[in-house]
Amino acid sequence: MSRTFAVSNLANTDDKHVVVALSGGVDSAVSAHRLIEAGHEVEAIFMKNWEEDDTDAYCSAAEDLADAERVCERLGLGLRTVNFATEYWDRVFERFLAEYRLGRTPNPDVWCNREIKFRELYEFLTDIGRDRIATGHYARVEVGDNGYALLKGLDDDKDQTYFLYTIGQAELARVQFPIGAMTKAEVRALAREIGLENHDKKGSTGICFIGERPFRDFLSQYIAPSPGPMRTPEGVFLGEHQGLAFYTLGQRQGLGLGGTRGSNGRPWYVVDKHVSDDALIVAQGREHPSLYSRALSAIEPSWVAGSPPADVFRAGAKTRYRQDDTPCTVNVTESGFTVAFDTAQWAVTPGQSVVLYQGATCLGGGIIDERYQSTDQMVPL
């Protein structure tokens, strides 16, 4: 049975020409199909953003391009390819490494959307005379009296606005998210129905340029090991770690403490990183108080509407992807904003993004700079 979903979110519906950023996956493929069915003149573009080890078993760029070509053949589309590997290295990967060297845990997917998909690609399309773009993100755009709003995708499990909070009014005026009102199951079913070979292709997980390889193996190619002390919050020395860059808050695996159970026999977790003396702080139990934060400060703020809704406002916050919105109070500062949570949050991690919502509307967000145990004194952990 044919399925029908409205194709919306295009700011100017009189402009029928749309370029789809085709990744080789099922989401962007179905996005292209839906635009064709809605009567748009569609062409596809494939971006290559990584080529350092594109012959490696972990890199799927060649396979993805082949899948994109098969999709275009099935849908009758022309495919243009563009290489942004240099821009990706300079604007995303170099910062990715710099953040890890500082002991933080960055999110390069956020920067990729901001610097590559919604900056370099937009500029490229402008240069070739194309104005409208569509992607396979699970998100929606709504046009109102006050401009464009970025809304969550209707599939709660796949909503990707967490990675899109840095785009603003100019980007939203040109973009369309054709599958934003669909579930992943509906996308796969439609792909199968129209004969797309990638209907059951496994979705990408983790950081795109790392693929399925062990993270520490990849990072060690660019960051040399820097051993330091591993100790408890009370100062008990437990051994040496390989380098702060190779660990993140809340990490349980790979600590090398399997046989060091202590009195309670519970597993060890990374609860803090002290860059000042290169110490990795670990404690037993997922519920250890050091893993919880009542507040955070964020820098590099980005507001979808161009400005925050008020100097102080209530919102829901995500400090990691697929986390439920956590009620909080946001206070805008000169350098960014602070977030005070109604309930303490687990493993709030500097370098990651905190994204703010009011209902289904994504307001924007920033980069977590510091986490705090007390909302009264805002004392860094």
Protein backbone atom coordinates (compact mmCIF):
# COMPACT_ATOMS: atom_id res chain seq x y z
CA MET A 1 0.00 0.00 0.00
CA SER A 2 1.35 3.41 -0.90
CA ARG A 3 2.05 5.71 2.03
CA THR A 4 1.40 9.44 1.87
CA PHE A 5 3.16 12.08 3.96
CA ALA A 6 3.02 15.82 3.44
CA VAL A 7 6.20 17.40 2.14
CA SER A 8 6.50 20.70 3.94
CA ASN A 9 9.13 22.95 5.52
CA LEU A 10 10.18 24.66 2.30
CA ALA A 11 10.16 28.40 2.88
CA ASN A 12 9.26 29.28 -0.72
CA THR A 13 7.12 26.56 -2.26
CA ASP A 14 7.16 28.35 -5.63
CA ASP A 15 10.84 27.40 -5.94
CA LYS A 16 10.58 23.85 -7.24
CA HIS A 17 14.29 23.13 -7.63
CA VAL A 18 15.83 21.37 -4.62
CA VAL A 19 19.27 19.82 -4.15
CA VAL A 20 19.33 16.79 -1.85
CA ALA A 21 22.46 16.05 0.17
CA LEU A 22 22.64 12.33 -0.54
CA SER A 23 24.76 10.31 1.90
CA GLY A 24 24.14 6.81 0.59
CA GLY A 25 21.84 6.06 3.52
CA VAL A 26 18.14 5.37 3.50
CA ASP A 27 17.09 8.67 5.11
CA SER A 28 18.44 10.97 2.42
CA ALA A 29 17.31 8.54 -0.30
CA VAL A 30 13.72 8.64 0.88
CA SER A 31 13.99 12.42 1.23
CA ALA A 32 14.86 12.62 -2.46
CA HIS A 33 11.97 10.35 -3.40
CA ARG A 34 9.45 12.37 -1.43
CA LEU A 35 10.54 15.60 -3.07
CA ILE A 36 10.17 14.03 -6.51
CA GLU A 37 6.70 12.79 -5.59
CA ALA A 38 5.79 16.30 -4.45
CA GLY A 39 6.66 17.68 -7.86
CA HIS A 40 10.04 19.26 -7.18
CA GLU A 41 12.89 19.32 -9.64
CA VAL A 42 15.47 17.33 -7.70
CA GLU A 43 19.17 16.79 -8.11
CA ALA A 44 21.54 15.09 -5.70
CA ILE A 45 24.93 15.97 -4.29
CA PHE A 46 27.36 13.68 -2.47
CA MET A 47 29.92 15.21 -0.11
CA LYS A 48 33.25 13.59 0.65
CA ASN A 49 34.53 15.04 3.90
CA TRP A 50 37.25 12.58 4.91
CA GLU A 51 40.10 11.06 2.91
CA GLU A 52 42.93 10.46 5.35
CA ASP A 53 42.33 6.70 5.32
CA ASP A 54 39.67 6.24 2.68
CA THR A 55 41.14 2.89 1.67
CA ASP A 56 40.95 1.62 5.25
CA ALA A 57 38.48 -1.09 6.15
CA TYR A 58 36.79 1.28 8.59
CA CYS A 59 36.04 4.03 6.09
CA SER A 60 32.75 3.65 4.22
CA ALA A 61 33.05 6.60 1.80
CA ALA A 62 33.45 4.42 -1.31
CA GLU A 63 30.56 2.19 -0.30
CA ASP A 64 28.40 5.20 0.51
CA LEU A 65 29.10 6.79 -2.87
CA ALA A 66 28.21 3.53 -4.63
CA ASP A 67 24.94 3.39 -2.67
CA ALA A 68 24.20 7.02 -3.57
CA GLU A 69 24.80 6.24 -7.24
CA ARG A 70 22.39 3.29 -7.07
CA VAL A 71 19.76 5.49 -5.44
CA CYS A 72 20.12 8.10 -8.18
CA GLU A 73 19.86 5.43 -10.86
CA ARG A 74 16.68 4.08 -9.27
CA LEU A 75 15.12 7.54 -8.88
CA GLY A 76 16.35 8.95 -12.17
CA LEU A 77 18.49 11.68 -10.63
CA GLY A 78 21.78 13.23 -11.61
CA LEU A 79 24.50 13.06 -8.97
CA ARG A 80 27.12 15.72 -8.38
CA THR A 81 30.07 15.02 -6.05
CA VAL A 82 32.04 17.58 -4.09
CA ASN A 83 35.12 17.19 -1.89
CA PHE A 84 35.20 19.16 1.36
CA ALA A 85 37.96 17.09 2.98
CA THR A 86 40.32 20.06 3.36
CA GLU A 87 37.61 22.24 4.91
CA TYR A 88 36.57 19.40 7.20
CA TRP A 89 40.13 18.87 8.38
CA ASP A 90 40.68 22.58 9.04
CA ARG A 91 37.34 23.46 10.62
CA VAL A 92 36.25 20.24 12.30
CA PHE A 93 39.03 17.70 12.77
CA GLU A 94 41.76 20.09 13.95
CA ARG A 95 39.41 21.43 16.61
CA PHE A 96 38.37 17.89 17.49
CA LEU A 97 42.00 17.04 18.27
CA ALA A 98 42.63 20.31 20.10
CA GLU A 99 39.68 19.70 22.42
CA TYR A 100 40.83 16.18 23.26
CA ARG A 101 44.32 17.46 24.01
CA LEU A 102 42.71 19.84 26.53
CA GLY A 103 41.03 16.89 28.25
CA ARG A 104 37.56 17.69 26.90
CA THR A 105 35.16 15.50 24.92
CA PRO A 106 33.96 17.31 21.79
CA ASN A 107 31.06 16.58 19.46
CA PRO A 108 32.32 16.95 15.86
CA ASP A 109 28.90 16.21 14.33
CA VAL A 110 27.65 19.58 15.58
CA TRP A 111 30.60 21.37 13.94
CA CYS A 112 30.19 19.36 10.74
CA ASN A 113 26.61 20.58 10.39
CA ARG A 114 27.59 24.16 11.10
CA GLU A 115 30.84 24.39 9.13
CA ILE A 116 30.32 21.95 6.26
CA LYS A 117 26.69 21.05 5.56
CA PHE A 118 25.22 24.45 6.36
CA ARG A 119 28.15 26.67 5.38
CA GLU A 120 30.49 25.18 2.79
CA LEU A 121 27.74 23.27 1.01
CA TYR A 122 25.44 26.30 1.05
CA GLU A 123 28.18 28.47 -0.43
CA PHE A 124 28.94 25.85 -3.08
CA LEU A 125 25.30 25.63 -4.10
CA THR A 126 25.04 29.41 -4.28
CA ASP A 127 28.06 29.46 -6.59
CA ILE A 128 26.38 27.02 -8.98
CA GLY A 129 23.06 28.84 -8.88
CA ARG A 130 21.13 26.60 -6.51
CA ASP A 131 19.21 28.02 -3.59
CA ARG A 132 17.27 25.23 -1.91
CA ILE A 133 18.65 22.20 -0.11
CA ALA A 134 17.15 19.14 1.56
CA THR A 135 18.75 16.69 3.96
CA GLY A 136 17.71 13.44 5.60
CA HIS A 137 17.69 14.82 9.13
CA TYR A 138 14.84 13.97 11.48
CA ALA A 139 13.83 17.56 12.16
CA ARG A 140 11.17 20.04 11.05
CA VAL A 141 10.95 23.72 10.17
CA GLU A 142 7.97 25.93 10.95
CA VAL A 143 7.43 29.41 9.53
CA GLY A 144 5.75 31.94 11.81
CA ASP A 145 5.32 35.66 12.35
CA ASN A 146 8.71 35.84 14.08
CA GLY A 147 10.66 33.87 11.50
CA TYR A 148 11.64 30.23 11.28
CA ALA A 149 11.51 27.72 14.12
CA LEU A 150 13.50 24.50 14.29
CA LEU A 151 11.28 21.72 15.62
CA LYS A 152 12.04 18.22 16.78
CA GLY A 153 11.41 15.33 14.42
CA LEU A 154 8.23 13.46 15.25
CA ASP A 155 10.17 10.24 15.89
CA ASP A 156 11.44 10.83 19.43
CA ASP A 157 14.04 8.09 19.07
CA LYS A 158 15.56 9.64 15.92
CA ASP A 159 15.14 13.40 16.47
CA GLN A 160 18.39 15.09 15.37
CA THR A 161 17.87 18.69 16.42
CA TYR A 162 20.54 18.13 19.08
CA PHE A 163 23.10 18.21 16.23
CA LEU A 164 21.41 21.09 14.38
CA TYR A 165 21.14 23.76 17.07
CA THR A 166 23.83 25.96 15.49
CA ILE A 167 21.85 26.69 12.32
CA GLY A 168 19.93 29.96 12.23
CA GLN A 169 17.38 31.90 10.27
CA ALA A 170 19.38 32.18 7.04
CA GLU A 171 19.96 28.42 6.92
CA LEU A 172 16.38 27.51 7.86
CA ALA A 173 15.07 29.75 5.07
CA ARG A 174 16.74 27.48 2.51
CA VAL A 175 16.45 24.00 3.99
CA GLN A 176 13.87 21.24 3.87
CA PHE A 177 13.68 18.11 6.02
CA PRO A 178 11.34 15.83 4.03
CA ILE A 179 11.28 12.97 6.56
CA GLY A 180 10.95 15.09 9.69
CA ALA A 181 7.35 14.00 10.20
CA MET A 182 8.09 10.30 9.63
CA THR A 183 9.37 7.54 11.88
CA LYS A 184 12.42 5.49 10.99
CA ALA A 185 10.19 2.45 10.50
CA GLU A 186 8.05 4.39 8.03
CA VAL A 187 11.16 5.56 6.15
CA ARG A 188 12.45 2.00 5.78
CA ALA A 189 9.04 0.72 4.74
CA LEU A 190 8.70 3.38 2.07
CA ALA A 191 12.23 2.70 0.80
CA ARG A 192 11.43 -1.00 0.48
CA GLU A 193 8.14 -0.22 -1.25
CA ILE A 194 9.78 1.88 -3.98
CA GLY A 195 12.61 -0.60 -4.52
CA LEU A 196 15.58 1.16 -2.94
CA GLU A 197 18.39 -1.34 -2.31
CA ASN A 198 19.53 0.50 0.80
CA HIS A 199 16.16 0.15 2.56
CA ASP A 200 17.75 -2.01 5.25
CA LYS A 201 21.19 -0.41 5.31
CA LYS A 202 22.52 -0.07 8.82
CA GLY A 203 22.47 3.48 10.10
CA SER A 204 25.76 5.17 10.95
CA THR A 205 26.71 5.35 14.61
CA GLY A 206 29.40 7.20 16.48
CA ILE A 207 31.77 9.69 14.91
CA CYS A 208 31.66 9.51 11.12
CA PHE A 209 35.41 9.49 10.38
CA ILE A 210 36.18 6.86 13.00
CA GLY A 211 33.67 4.28 11.84
CA GLU A 212 33.56 0.98 13.70
CA ARG A 213 37.21 0.93 14.77
CA PRO A 214 38.16 1.21 18.46
CA PHE A 215 38.17 4.89 19.40
CA ARG A 216 41.44 4.76 21.34
CA ASP A 217 43.22 3.12 18.40
CA PHE A 218 42.09 5.90 16.09
CA LEU A 219 42.89 8.77 18.46
CA SER A 220 46.36 7.41 19.23
CA GLN A 221 47.28 7.98 15.57
CA TYR A 222 47.11 11.73 16.23
CA ILE A 223 47.60 12.15 19.99
CA ALA A 224 50.56 10.51 21.71
CA PRO A 225 50.00 8.67 25.00
CA SER A 226 50.64 10.85 28.06
CA PRO A 227 50.50 8.68 31.19
CA GLY A 228 49.50 10.17 34.48
CA PRO A 229 48.15 9.14 37.88
CA MET A 230 44.81 7.43 38.28
CA ARG A 231 43.34 7.99 41.72
CA THR A 232 40.10 8.11 43.68
CA PRO A 233 38.40 11.37 44.78
CA GLU A 234 39.93 10.73 48.20
CA GLY A 235 43.43 10.68 46.71
CA VAL A 236 44.11 6.93 46.74
CA PHE A 237 46.54 6.08 43.92
CA LEU A 238 45.36 3.15 41.77
CA GLY A 239 47.81 3.15 38.89
CA GLU A 240 48.52 5.04 35.68
CA HIS A 241 46.24 6.03 32.83
CA GLN A 242 47.32 6.32 29.18
CA GLY A 243 46.45 9.98 28.74
CA LEU A 244 43.45 12.14 29.65
CA ALA A 245 42.49 12.44 25.99
CA PHE A 246 41.58 8.74 25.90
CA TYR A 247 38.91 8.91 28.62
CA THR A 248 35.58 10.63 29.12
CA LEU A 249 33.30 11.20 32.10
CA GLY A 250 31.11 8.24 32.90
CA GLN A 251 33.43 5.82 31.09
CA ARG A 252 33.46 2.32 32.57
CA GLN A 253 35.33 0.18 30.04
CA GLY A 254 39.06 0.30 29.36
CA LEU A 255 40.22 1.53 32.76
CA GLY A 256 42.34 -1.52 33.53
CA LEU A 257 40.88 -1.82 37.03
CA GLY A 258 38.88 -4.98 36.61
CA GLY A 259 40.74 -6.73 39.40
CA THR A 260 40.77 -3.71 41.74
CA ARG A 261 37.32 -4.10 43.23
CA GLY A 262 37.72 -2.49 46.62
CA SER A 263 35.40 -3.11 49.53
CA ASN A 264 32.07 -2.77 47.71
CA GLY A 265 32.92 -4.80 44.62
CA ARG A 266 31.27 -2.33 42.24
CA PRO A 267 32.75 -1.31 38.84
CA TRP A 268 34.89 1.78 38.40
CA TYR A 269 33.86 4.91 36.46
CA VAL A 270 35.68 8.02 35.34
CA VAL A 271 34.23 10.81 37.49
CA ASP A 272 36.61 13.68 36.71
CA LYS A 273 39.77 14.75 34.89
CA HIS A 274 42.27 17.10 36.55
CA VAL A 275 44.17 18.73 33.72
CA SER A 276 46.30 20.73 36.17
CA ASP A 277 48.18 17.64 37.38
CA ASP A 278 47.16 15.23 34.59
CA ALA A 279 45.16 13.06 37.00
CA LEU A 280 42.29 10.79 36.05
CA ILE A 281 39.78 10.53 38.90
CA VAL A 282 37.83 7.28 39.18
CA ALA A 283 35.26 6.02 41.67
CA GLN A 284 33.16 2.94 42.20
CA GLY A 285 29.50 2.80 41.30
CA ARG A 286 27.41 4.55 38.67
CA GLU A 287 25.62 6.47 41.41
CA HIS A 288 28.77 8.06 42.83
CA PRO A 289 28.03 11.72 43.77
CA SER A 290 31.01 12.98 41.73
CA LEU A 291 29.25 11.87 38.55
CA TYR A 292 26.30 14.20 39.16
CA SER A 293 26.00 17.92 38.42
CA ARG A 294 23.33 20.42 39.41
CA ALA A 295 24.46 23.13 37.00
CA LEU A 296 26.74 23.99 34.10
CA SER A 297 28.12 26.97 32.24
CA ALA A 298 28.13 27.05 28.44
CA ILE A 299 30.14 29.08 25.93
CA GLU A 300 29.82 29.71 22.18
CA PRO A 301 26.05 30.23 22.39
CA SER A 302 23.98 29.79 19.25
CA TRP A 303 20.32 30.84 19.12
CA VAL A 304 18.07 29.60 16.32
CA ALA A 305 15.96 32.77 16.46
CA GLY A 306 19.06 34.97 16.56
CA SER A 307 18.75 35.76 20.27
CA PRO A 308 17.60 33.99 23.45
CA PRO A 309 13.93 34.29 24.46
CA ALA A 310 14.84 36.25 27.61
CA ASP A 311 17.77 36.93 29.93
CA VAL A 312 16.39 34.30 32.32
CA PHE A 313 13.97 31.62 31.19
CA ARG A 314 12.75 28.09 31.79
CA ALA A 315 13.56 25.36 29.30
CA GLY A 316 14.30 21.68 28.82
CA ALA A 317 17.96 20.77 28.33
CA LYS A 318 19.81 17.88 26.73
CA THR A 319 23.48 17.37 27.57
CA ARG A 320 23.72 14.29 25.35
CA TYR A 321 21.90 12.89 22.32
CA ARG A 322 18.71 10.88 22.97
CA GLN A 323 18.47 12.17 26.51
CA ASP A 324 15.06 13.26 27.76
CA ASP A 325 14.64 17.01 28.11
CA THR A 326 15.56 17.98 31.66
CA PRO A 327 13.67 20.93 33.23
CA CYS A 328 16.04 23.76 34.05
CA THR A 329 16.48 27.50 34.47
CA VAL A 330 18.71 29.27 31.95
CA ASN A 331 20.55 32.50 32.76
CA VAL A 332 22.15 34.34 29.83
CA THR A 333 25.64 35.70 30.52
CA GLU A 334 28.17 37.80 28.61
CA SER A 335 30.08 34.72 27.42
CA GLY A 336 27.17 32.33 27.02
CA PHE A 337 24.70 31.04 29.58
CA THR A 338 24.35 28.96 32.72
CA VAL A 339 21.93 26.10 33.27
CA ALA A 340 20.59 25.13 36.69
CA PHE A 341 18.88 21.72 36.58
CA ASP A 342 15.83 20.88 38.67
CA THR A 343 17.43 17.50 39.38
CA ALA A 344 21.11 16.53 39.29
CA GLN A 345 22.33 15.17 35.95
CA TRP A 346 24.67 12.24 35.32
CA ALA A 347 28.06 12.68 33.59
CA VAL A 348 27.67 16.23 32.30
CA THR A 349 30.76 16.46 30.10
CA PRO A 350 32.77 19.60 29.19
CA GLY A 351 33.22 19.87 25.44
CA GLN A 352 29.84 18.33 24.66
CA SER A 353 26.84 20.43 23.68
CA VAL A 354 23.92 21.44 25.86
CA VAL A 355 20.83 22.06 23.73
CA LEU A 356 17.76 23.92 24.96
CA TYR A 357 14.09 23.34 24.13
CA GLN A 358 10.66 24.72 24.87
CA GLY A 359 8.30 21.95 23.95
CA ALA A 360 9.12 20.76 20.43
CA THR A 361 11.00 23.96 19.59
CA CYS A 362 14.80 23.93 19.65
CA LEU A 363 15.94 27.29 21.00
CA GLY A 364 19.68 26.77 20.50
CA GLY A 365 22.54 25.75 22.74
CA GLY A 366 26.22 26.00 23.49
CA ILE A 367 29.37 24.10 24.42
CA ILE A 368 29.58 22.88 28.01
CA ASP A 369 32.51 24.67 29.62
CA GLU A 370 32.25 23.80 33.32
CA ARG A 371 30.01 21.58 35.41
CA TYR A 372 28.99 22.36 38.99
CA GLN A 373 27.86 20.37 41.98
CA SER A 374 26.03 23.21 43.70
CA THR A 375 23.53 25.59 42.14
CA ASP A 376 24.00 27.95 45.06
CA GLN A 377 27.77 28.36 44.97
CA MET A 378 28.45 27.11 41.42
CA VAL A 379 31.65 25.42 42.57
CA PRO A 380 33.40 23.52 39.72
CA LEU A 381 33.81 19.81 40.33
